[in-house]
Amino acid sequence: MFTIEHDFDATVITLVDEGSPHLEEDVTIQAFEECVTIEQYDPRRDEVVKIVLSMAQVNELAAALNLPEGIYRLAPRRKD
């Protein structure tokens, strides 16, 4: 299950892990104009862990999800 909310400066997506006996903590993804943050509570450390991705990293991640194993470099987009 997941939720999507549109805030003033970000789109917030929350992924809820439901189902099997081994459930992970919810993941919150916030998409801003200049970056994307991913947060998840870590019960072992009793704190929220945050990862910040640049928009270039997000584009590479999106491309990687649909490619086979290997090493890749995205070609820069051409401006017409």
PDB file of N, CA and C in Angstrom:
ATOM      1  N   MET A   1       0.842  -1.164   0.000  1.00  0.00           N
ATOM      2  CA  MET A   1       0.000   0.000   0.000  1.00  0.00           C
ATOM      3  C   MET A   1       0.892   1.232   0.000  1.00  0.00           C
ATOM      4  N   PHE A   2       0.423   2.297  -0.621  1.00  0.00           N
ATOM      5  CA  PHE A   2       1.158   3.552  -0.576  1.00  0.00           C
ATOM      6  C   PHE A   2       0.192   4.717  -0.627  1.00  0.00           C
ATOM      7  N   THR A   3       0.672   5.869  -0.167  1.00  0.00           N
ATOM      8  CA  THR A   3      -0.124   7.098  -0.233  1.00  0.00           C
ATOM      9  C   THR A   3       0.673   8.144  -0.994  1.00  0.00           C
ATOM     10  N   ILE A   4      -0.038   9.089  -1.604  1.00  0.00           N
ATOM     11  CA  ILE A   4       0.576  10.213  -2.299  1.00  0.00           C
ATOM     12  C   ILE A   4      -0.105  11.485  -1.816  1.00  0.00           C
ATOM     13  N   GLU A   5       0.699  12.453  -1.398  1.00  0.00           N
ATOM     14  CA  GLU A   5       0.178  13.746  -0.969  1.00  0.00           C
ATOM     15  C   GLU A   5       0.963  14.838  -1.674  1.00  0.00           C
ATOM     16  N   HIS A   6       0.278  15.909  -2.049  1.00  0.00           N
ATOM     17  CA  HIS A   6       0.939  17.047  -2.675  1.00  0.00           C
ATOM     18  C   HIS A   6       0.969  18.185  -1.669  1.00  0.00           C
ATOM     19  N   ASP A   7       2.161  18.464  -1.143  1.00  0.00           N
ATOM     20  CA  ASP A   7       2.355  19.571  -0.219  1.00  0.00           C
ATOM     21  C   ASP A   7       2.735  20.815  -1.014  1.00  0.00           C
ATOM     22  N   PHE A   8       2.964  21.909  -0.295  1.00  0.00           N
ATOM     23  CA  PHE A   8       3.314  23.180  -0.944  1.00  0.00           C
ATOM     24  C   PHE A   8       4.571  23.061  -1.798  1.00  0.00           C
ATOM     25  N   ASP A   9       5.630  22.465  -1.242  1.00  0.00           N
ATOM     26  CA  ASP A   9       6.907  22.430  -1.949  1.00  0.00           C
ATOM     27  C   ASP A   9       7.392  21.032  -2.316  1.00  0.00           C
ATOM     28  N   ALA A  10       6.564  19.997  -2.079  1.00  0.00           N
ATOM     29  CA  ALA A  10       7.012  18.633  -2.371  1.00  0.00           C
ATOM     30  C   ALA A  10       5.830  17.700  -2.587  1.00  0.00           C
ATOM     31  N   THR A  11       6.091  16.646  -3.334  1.00  0.00           N
ATOM     32  CA  THR A  11       5.161  15.533  -3.419  1.00  0.00           C
ATOM     33  C   THR A  11       5.680  14.472  -2.456  1.00  0.00           C
ATOM     34  N   VAL A  12       4.807  13.980  -1.572  1.00  0.00           N
ATOM     35  CA  VAL A  12       5.218  13.030  -0.541  1.00  0.00           C
ATOM     36  C   VAL A  12       4.556  11.685  -0.810  1.00  0.00           C
ATOM     37  N   ILE A  13       5.386  10.651  -0.961  1.00  0.00           N
ATOM     38  CA  ILE A  13       4.904   9.290  -1.173  1.00  0.00           C
ATOM     39  C   ILE A  13       5.326   8.469   0.036  1.00  0.00           C
ATOM     40  N   THR A  14       4.383   7.748   0.632  1.00  0.00           N
ATOM     41  CA  THR A  14       4.696   6.868   1.758  1.00  0.00           C
ATOM     42  C   THR A  14       4.392   5.440   1.342  1.00  0.00           C
ATOM     43  N   LEU A  15       5.404   4.571   1.448  1.00  0.00           N
ATOM     44  CA  LEU A  15       5.259   3.152   1.124  1.00  0.00           C
ATOM     45  C   LEU A  15       5.077   2.386   2.422  1.00  0.00           C
ATOM     46  N   VAL A  16       3.971   1.657   2.529  1.00  0.00           N
ATOM     47  CA  VAL A  16       3.654   0.887   3.733  1.00  0.00           C
ATOM     48  C   VAL A  16       3.884  -0.580   3.415  1.00  0.00           C
ATOM     49  N   ASP A  17       4.765  -1.227   4.167  1.00  0.00           N
ATOM     50  CA  ASP A  17       5.079  -2.646   3.955  1.00  0.00           C
ATOM     51  C   ASP A  17       4.058  -3.485   4.710  1.00  0.00           C
ATOM     52  N   GLU A  18       3.137  -4.108   3.989  1.00  0.00           N
ATOM     53  CA  GLU A  18       2.122  -4.933   4.641  1.00  0.00           C
ATOM     54  C   GLU A  18       2.133  -6.320   4.023  1.00  0.00           C
ATOM     55  N   GLY A  19       1.830  -7.313   4.825  1.00  0.00           N
ATOM     56  CA  GLY A  19       1.792  -8.661   4.275  1.00  0.00           C
ATOM     57  C   GLY A  19       2.499  -9.678   5.120  1.00  0.00           C
ATOM     58  N   SER A  20       3.638 -10.147   4.620  1.00  0.00           N
ATOM     59  CA  SER A  20       4.347 -11.259   5.262  1.00  0.00           C
ATOM     60  C   SER A  20       4.731 -10.934   6.710  1.00  0.00           C
ATOM     61  N   PRO A  21       5.137 -11.959   7.475  1.00  0.00           N
ATOM     62  CA  PRO A  21       5.482 -11.726   8.881  1.00  0.00           C
ATOM     63  C   PRO A  21       6.654 -10.766   9.088  1.00  0.00           C
ATOM     64  N   HIS A  22       7.603 -10.710   8.138  1.00  0.00           N
ATOM     65  CA  HIS A  22       8.755  -9.813   8.293  1.00  0.00           C
ATOM     66  C   HIS A  22       8.446  -8.483   7.615  1.00  0.00           C
ATOM     67  N   LEU A  23       7.912  -7.537   8.395  1.00  0.00           N
ATOM     68  CA  LEU A  23       7.561  -6.236   7.843  1.00  0.00           C
ATOM     69  C   LEU A  23       8.644  -5.211   8.147  1.00  0.00           C
ATOM     70  N   GLU A  24       8.918  -4.373   7.183  1.00  0.00           N
ATOM     71  CA  GLU A  24       9.884  -3.283   7.354  1.00  0.00           C
ATOM     72  C   GLU A  24       9.120  -2.006   7.702  1.00  0.00           C
ATOM     73  N   GLU A  25       9.837  -1.023   8.216  1.00  0.00           N
ATOM     74  CA  GLU A  25       9.240   0.262   8.554  1.00  0.00           C
ATOM     75  C   GLU A  25       8.782   0.977   7.281  1.00  0.00           C
ATOM     76  N   ASP A  26       7.814   1.892   7.430  1.00  0.00           N
ATOM     77  CA  ASP A  26       7.334   2.680   6.294  1.00  0.00           C
ATOM     78  C   ASP A  26       8.486   3.479   5.689  1.00  0.00           C
ATOM     79  N   VAL A  27       8.413   3.714   4.394  1.00  0.00           N
ATOM     80  CA  VAL A  27       9.392   4.538   3.683  1.00  0.00           C
ATOM     81  C   VAL A  27       8.665   5.780   3.190  1.00  0.00           C
ATOM     82  N   THR A  28       9.242   6.953   3.460  1.00  0.00           N
ATOM     83  CA  THR A  28       8.665   8.209   2.990  1.00  0.00           C
ATOM     84  C   THR A  28       9.605   8.825   1.964  1.00  0.00           C
ATOM     85  N   ILE A  29       9.041   9.133   0.786  1.00  0.00           N
ATOM     86  CA  ILE A  29       9.804   9.733  -0.302  1.00  0.00           C
ATOM     87  C   ILE A  29       9.238  11.127  -0.540  1.00  0.00           C
ATOM     88  N   GLN A  30      10.101  12.132  -0.500  1.00  0.00           N
ATOM     89  CA  GLN A  30       9.672  13.498  -0.749  1.00  0.00           C
ATOM     90  C   GLN A  30      10.378  14.007  -1.995  1.00  0.00           C
ATOM     91  N   ALA A  31       9.601  14.379  -3.006  1.00  0.00           N
ATOM     92  CA  ALA A  31      10.156  14.876  -4.264  1.00  0.00           C
ATOM     93  C   ALA A  31      10.050  16.396  -4.289  1.00  0.00           C
ATOM     94  N   PHE A  32      11.207  17.049  -4.215  1.00  0.00           N
ATOM     95  CA  PHE A  32      11.290  18.497  -4.314  1.00  0.00           C
ATOM     96  C   PHE A  32      11.750  18.861  -5.720  1.00  0.00           C
ATOM     97  N   GLU A  33      11.807  20.139  -6.027  1.00  0.00           N
ATOM     98  CA  GLU A  33      12.241  20.578  -7.351  1.00  0.00           C
ATOM     99  C   GLU A  33      13.710  20.219  -7.609  1.00  0.00           C
ATOM    100  N   GLU A  34      14.566  20.310  -6.571  1.00  0.00           N
ATOM    101  CA  GLU A  34      15.999  20.127  -6.760  1.00  0.00           C
ATOM    102  C   GLU A  34      16.544  18.783  -6.293  1.00  0.00           C
ATOM    103  N   CYS A  35      15.753  18.004  -5.524  1.00  0.00           N
ATOM    104  CA  CYS A  35      16.244  16.719  -5.013  1.00  0.00           C
ATOM    105  C   CYS A  35      15.072  15.846  -4.566  1.00  0.00           C
ATOM    106  N   VAL A  36      15.403  14.618  -4.224  1.00  0.00           N
ATOM    107  CA  VAL A  36      14.431  13.679  -3.664  1.00  0.00           C
ATOM    108  C   VAL A  36      15.033  13.136  -2.373  1.00  0.00           C
ATOM    109  N   THR A  37      14.219  13.101  -1.305  1.00  0.00           N
ATOM    110  CA  THR A  37      14.694  12.516  -0.052  1.00  0.00           C
ATOM    111  C   THR A  37      13.924  11.234   0.219  1.00  0.00           C
ATOM    112  N   ILE A  38      14.618  10.270   0.814  1.00  0.00           N
ATOM    113  CA  ILE A  38      14.022   8.998   1.200  1.00  0.00           C
ATOM    114  C   ILE A  38      14.296   8.826   2.686  1.00  0.00           C
ATOM    115  N   GLU A  39      13.241   8.583   3.471  1.00  0.00           N
ATOM    116  CA  GLU A  39      13.394   8.439   4.920  1.00  0.00           C
ATOM    117  C   GLU A  39      12.763   7.139   5.392  1.00  0.00           C
ATOM    118  N   GLN A  40      13.407   6.505   6.384  1.00  0.00           N
ATOM    119  CA  GLN A  40      12.868   5.306   7.009  1.00  0.00           C
ATOM    120  C   GLN A  40      13.346   5.257   8.456  1.00  0.00           C
ATOM    121  N   TYR A  41      12.423   4.922   9.345  1.00  0.00           N
ATOM    122  CA  TYR A  41      12.766   4.790  10.752  1.00  0.00           C
ATOM    123  C   TYR A  41      13.599   3.535  10.951  1.00  0.00           C
ATOM    124  N   ASP A  42      14.709   3.653  11.699  1.00  0.00           N
ATOM    125  CA  ASP A  42      15.568   2.521  12.031  1.00  0.00           C
ATOM    126  C   ASP A  42      15.377   2.212  13.516  1.00  0.00           C
ATOM    127  N   PRO A  43      14.646   1.126  13.844  1.00  0.00           N
ATOM    128  CA  PRO A  43      14.384   0.828  15.251  1.00  0.00           C
ATOM    129  C   PRO A  43      15.635   0.457  16.037  1.00  0.00           C
ATOM    130  N   ARG A  44      16.666  -0.056  15.381  1.00  0.00           N
ATOM    131  CA  ARG A  44      17.907  -0.393  16.085  1.00  0.00           C
ATOM    132  C   ARG A  44      18.625   0.847  16.587  1.00  0.00           C
ATOM    133  N   ARG A  45      18.560   1.926  15.812  1.00  0.00           N
ATOM    134  CA  ARG A  45      19.200   3.177  16.202  1.00  0.00           C
ATOM    135  C   ARG A  45      18.212   4.153  16.830  1.00  0.00           C
ATOM    136  N   ASP A  46      16.917   3.837  16.757  1.00  0.00           N
ATOM    137  CA  ASP A  46      15.843   4.696  17.266  1.00  0.00           C
ATOM    138  C   ASP A  46      15.915   6.090  16.653  1.00  0.00           C
ATOM    139  N   GLU A  47      16.082   6.128  15.326  1.00  0.00           N
ATOM    140  CA  GLU A  47      16.100   7.403  14.614  1.00  0.00           C
ATOM    141  C   GLU A  47      15.700   7.197  13.158  1.00  0.00           C
ATOM    142  N   VAL A  48      15.306   8.285  12.528  1.00  0.00           N
ATOM    143  CA  VAL A  48      14.957   8.258  11.115  1.00  0.00           C
ATOM    144  C   VAL A  48      16.226   8.460  10.301  1.00  0.00           C
ATOM    145  N   VAL A  49      16.433   7.597   9.319  1.00  0.00           N
ATOM    146  CA  VAL A  49      17.595   7.690   8.434  1.00  0.00           C
ATOM    147  C   VAL A  49      17.130   8.348   7.139  1.00  0.00           C
ATOM    148  N   LYS A  50      17.878   9.350   6.685  1.00  0.00           N
ATOM    149  CA  LYS A  50      17.507  10.089   5.475  1.00  0.00           C
ATOM    150  C   LYS A  50      18.590   9.949   4.424  1.00  0.00           C
ATOM    151  N   ILE A  51      18.157   9.734   3.180  1.00  0.00           N
ATOM    152  CA  ILE A  51      19.042   9.701   2.020  1.00  0.00           C
ATOM    153  C   ILE A  51      18.568  10.810   1.083  1.00  0.00           C
ATOM    154  N   VAL A  52      19.512  11.599   0.559  1.00  0.00           N
ATOM    155  CA  VAL A  52      19.176  12.676  -0.376  1.00  0.00           C
ATOM    156  C   VAL A  52      19.763  12.300  -1.737  1.00  0.00           C
ATOM    157  N   LEU A  53      18.908  12.311  -2.762  1.00  0.00           N
ATOM    158  CA  LEU A  53      19.328  12.019  -4.134  1.00  0.00           C
ATOM    159  C   LEU A  53      19.184  13.275  -4.976  1.00  0.00           C
ATOM    160  N   SER A  54      20.193  13.563  -5.801  1.00  0.00           N
ATOM    161  CA  SER A  54      20.056  14.654  -6.769  1.00  0.00           C
ATOM    162  C   SER A  54      19.088  14.190  -7.862  1.00  0.00           C
ATOM    163  N   MET A  55      18.617  15.124  -8.656  1.00  0.00           N
ATOM    164  CA  MET A  55      17.709  14.745  -9.741  1.00  0.00           C
ATOM    165  C   MET A  55      18.425  13.866 -10.762  1.00  0.00           C
ATOM    166  N   ALA A  56      19.736  14.065 -10.959  1.00  0.00           N
ATOM    167  CA  ALA A  56      20.503  13.192 -11.865  1.00  0.00           C
ATOM    168  C   ALA A  56      20.519  11.768 -11.332  1.00  0.00           C
ATOM    169  N   GLN A  57      20.691  11.609 -10.021  1.00  0.00           N
ATOM    170  CA  GLN A  57      20.680  10.269  -9.417  1.00  0.00           C
ATOM    171  C   GLN A  57      19.300   9.631  -9.551  1.00  0.00           C
ATOM    172  N   VAL A  58      18.250  10.407  -9.407  1.00  0.00           N
ATOM    173  CA  VAL A  58      16.886   9.875  -9.562  1.00  0.00           C
ATOM    174  C   VAL A  58      16.681   9.389 -10.987  1.00  0.00           C
ATOM    175  N   ASN A  59      17.145  10.162 -11.964  1.00  0.00           N
ATOM    176  CA  ASN A  59      17.014   9.747 -13.372  1.00  0.00           C
ATOM    177  C   ASN A  59      17.786   8.459 -13.635  1.00  0.00           C
ATOM    178  N   GLU A  60      18.980   8.343 -13.060  1.00  0.00           N
ATOM    179  CA  GLU A  60      19.768   7.119 -13.241  1.00  0.00           C
ATOM    180  C   GLU A  60      19.096   5.932 -12.560  1.00  0.00           C
ATOM    181  N   LEU A  61      18.527   6.154 -11.393  1.00  0.00           N
ATOM    182  CA  LEU A  61      17.815   5.084 -10.687  1.00  0.00           C
ATOM    183  C   LEU A  61      16.619   4.608 -11.509  1.00  0.00           C
ATOM    184  N   ALA A  62      15.866   5.540 -12.043  1.00  0.00           N
ATOM    185  CA  ALA A  62      14.708   5.172 -12.867  1.00  0.00           C
ATOM    186  C   ALA A  62      15.139   4.350 -14.078  1.00  0.00           C
ATOM    187  N   ALA A  63      16.225   4.747 -14.714  1.00  0.00           N
ATOM    188  CA  ALA A  63      16.726   3.994 -15.870  1.00  0.00           C
ATOM    189  C   ALA A  63      17.214   2.615 -15.440  1.00  0.00           C
ATOM    190  N   ALA A  64      17.880   2.542 -14.291  1.00  0.00           N
ATOM    191  CA  ALA A  64      18.454   1.276 -13.821  1.00  0.00           C
ATOM    192  C   ALA A  64      17.389   0.236 -13.511  1.00  0.00           C
ATOM    193  N   LEU A  65      16.213   0.670 -13.119  1.00  0.00           N
ATOM    194  CA  LEU A  65      15.157  -0.275 -12.769  1.00  0.00           C
ATOM    195  C   LEU A  65      14.705  -1.109 -13.962  1.00  0.00           C
ATOM    196  N   ASN A  66      14.990  -0.638 -15.179  1.00  0.00           N
ATOM    197  CA  ASN A  66      14.536  -1.342 -16.378  1.00  0.00           C
ATOM    198  C   ASN A  66      15.683  -1.922 -17.212  1.00  0.00           C
ATOM    199  N   LEU A  67      16.877  -2.006 -16.644  1.00  0.00           N
ATOM    200  CA  LEU A  67      18.024  -2.507 -17.397  1.00  0.00           C
ATOM    201  C   LEU A  67      18.566  -3.800 -16.790  1.00  0.00           C
ATOM    202  N   PRO A  68      19.207  -4.634 -17.622  1.00  0.00           N
ATOM    203  CA  PRO A  68      19.841  -5.840 -17.085  1.00  0.00           C
ATOM    204  C   PRO A  68      21.137  -5.480 -16.355  1.00  0.00           C
ATOM    205  N   GLU A  69      21.737  -6.467 -15.729  1.00  0.00           N
ATOM    206  CA  GLU A  69      22.979  -6.288 -15.004  1.00  0.00           C
ATOM    207  C   GLU A  69      24.049  -5.675 -15.899  1.00  0.00           C
ATOM    208  N   GLY A  70      24.875  -4.772 -15.346  1.00  0.00           N
ATOM    209  CA  GLY A  70      25.942  -4.159 -16.134  1.00  0.00           C
ATOM    210  C   GLY A  70      26.315  -2.796 -15.588  1.00  0.00           C
ATOM    211  N   ILE A  71      27.207  -2.121 -16.305  1.00  0.00           N
ATOM    212  CA  ILE A  71      27.634  -0.766 -15.956  1.00  0.00           C
ATOM    213  C   ILE A  71      27.171   0.157 -17.069  1.00  0.00           C
ATOM    214  N   TYR A  72      26.544   1.263 -16.693  1.00  0.00           N
ATOM    215  CA  TYR A  72      25.950   2.165 -17.677  1.00  0.00           C
ATOM    216  C   TYR A  72      26.280   3.613 -17.337  1.00  0.00           C
ATOM    217  N   ARG A  73      26.224   4.465 -18.343  1.00  0.00           N
ATOM    218  CA  ARG A  73      26.280   5.913 -18.167  1.00  0.00           C
ATOM    219  C   ARG A  73      25.200   6.484 -19.071  1.00  0.00           C
ATOM    220  N   LEU A  74      24.323   7.306 -18.503  1.00  0.00           N
ATOM    221  CA  LEU A  74      23.274   7.918 -19.299  1.00  0.00           C
ATOM    222  C   LEU A  74      23.866   9.015 -20.169  1.00  0.00           C
ATOM    223  N   ALA A  75      23.458   9.057 -21.418  1.00  0.00           N
ATOM    224  CA  ALA A  75      23.892  10.125 -22.305  1.00  0.00           C
ATOM    225  C   ALA A  75      23.137  11.404 -21.940  1.00  0.00           C
ATOM    226  N   PRO A  76      23.805  12.566 -21.981  1.00  0.00           N
ATOM    227  CA  PRO A  76      23.104  13.808 -21.679  1.00  0.00           C
ATOM    228  C   PRO A  76      21.980  14.042 -22.683  1.00  0.00           C
ATOM    229  N   ARG A  77      20.921  14.633 -22.192  1.00  0.00           N
ATOM    230  CA  ARG A  77      19.794  14.939 -23.099  1.00  0.00           C
ATOM    231  C   ARG A  77      20.177  16.042 -24.054  1.00  0.00           C
ATOM    232  N   ARG A  78      19.807  15.863 -25.309  1.00  0.00           N
ATOM    233  CA  ARG A  78      20.087  16.878 -26.313  1.00  0.00           C
ATOM    234  C   ARG A  78      19.063  17.983 -26.223  1.00  0.00           C
ATOM    235  N   LYS A  79      19.517  19.215 -26.340  1.00  0.00           N
ATOM    236  CA  LYS A  79      18.605  20.365 -26.357  1.00  0.00           C
ATOM    237  C   LYS A  79      18.412  20.776 -27.792  1.00  0.00           C
ATOM    238  N   ASP A  80      17.179  20.676 -28.262  1.00  0.00           N
ATOM    239  CA  ASP A  80      16.901  21.026 -29.675  1.00  0.00           C
ATOM    240  C   ASP A  80      16.625  22.493 -29.838  1.00  0.00           C
TER     241      ASP A  80
END
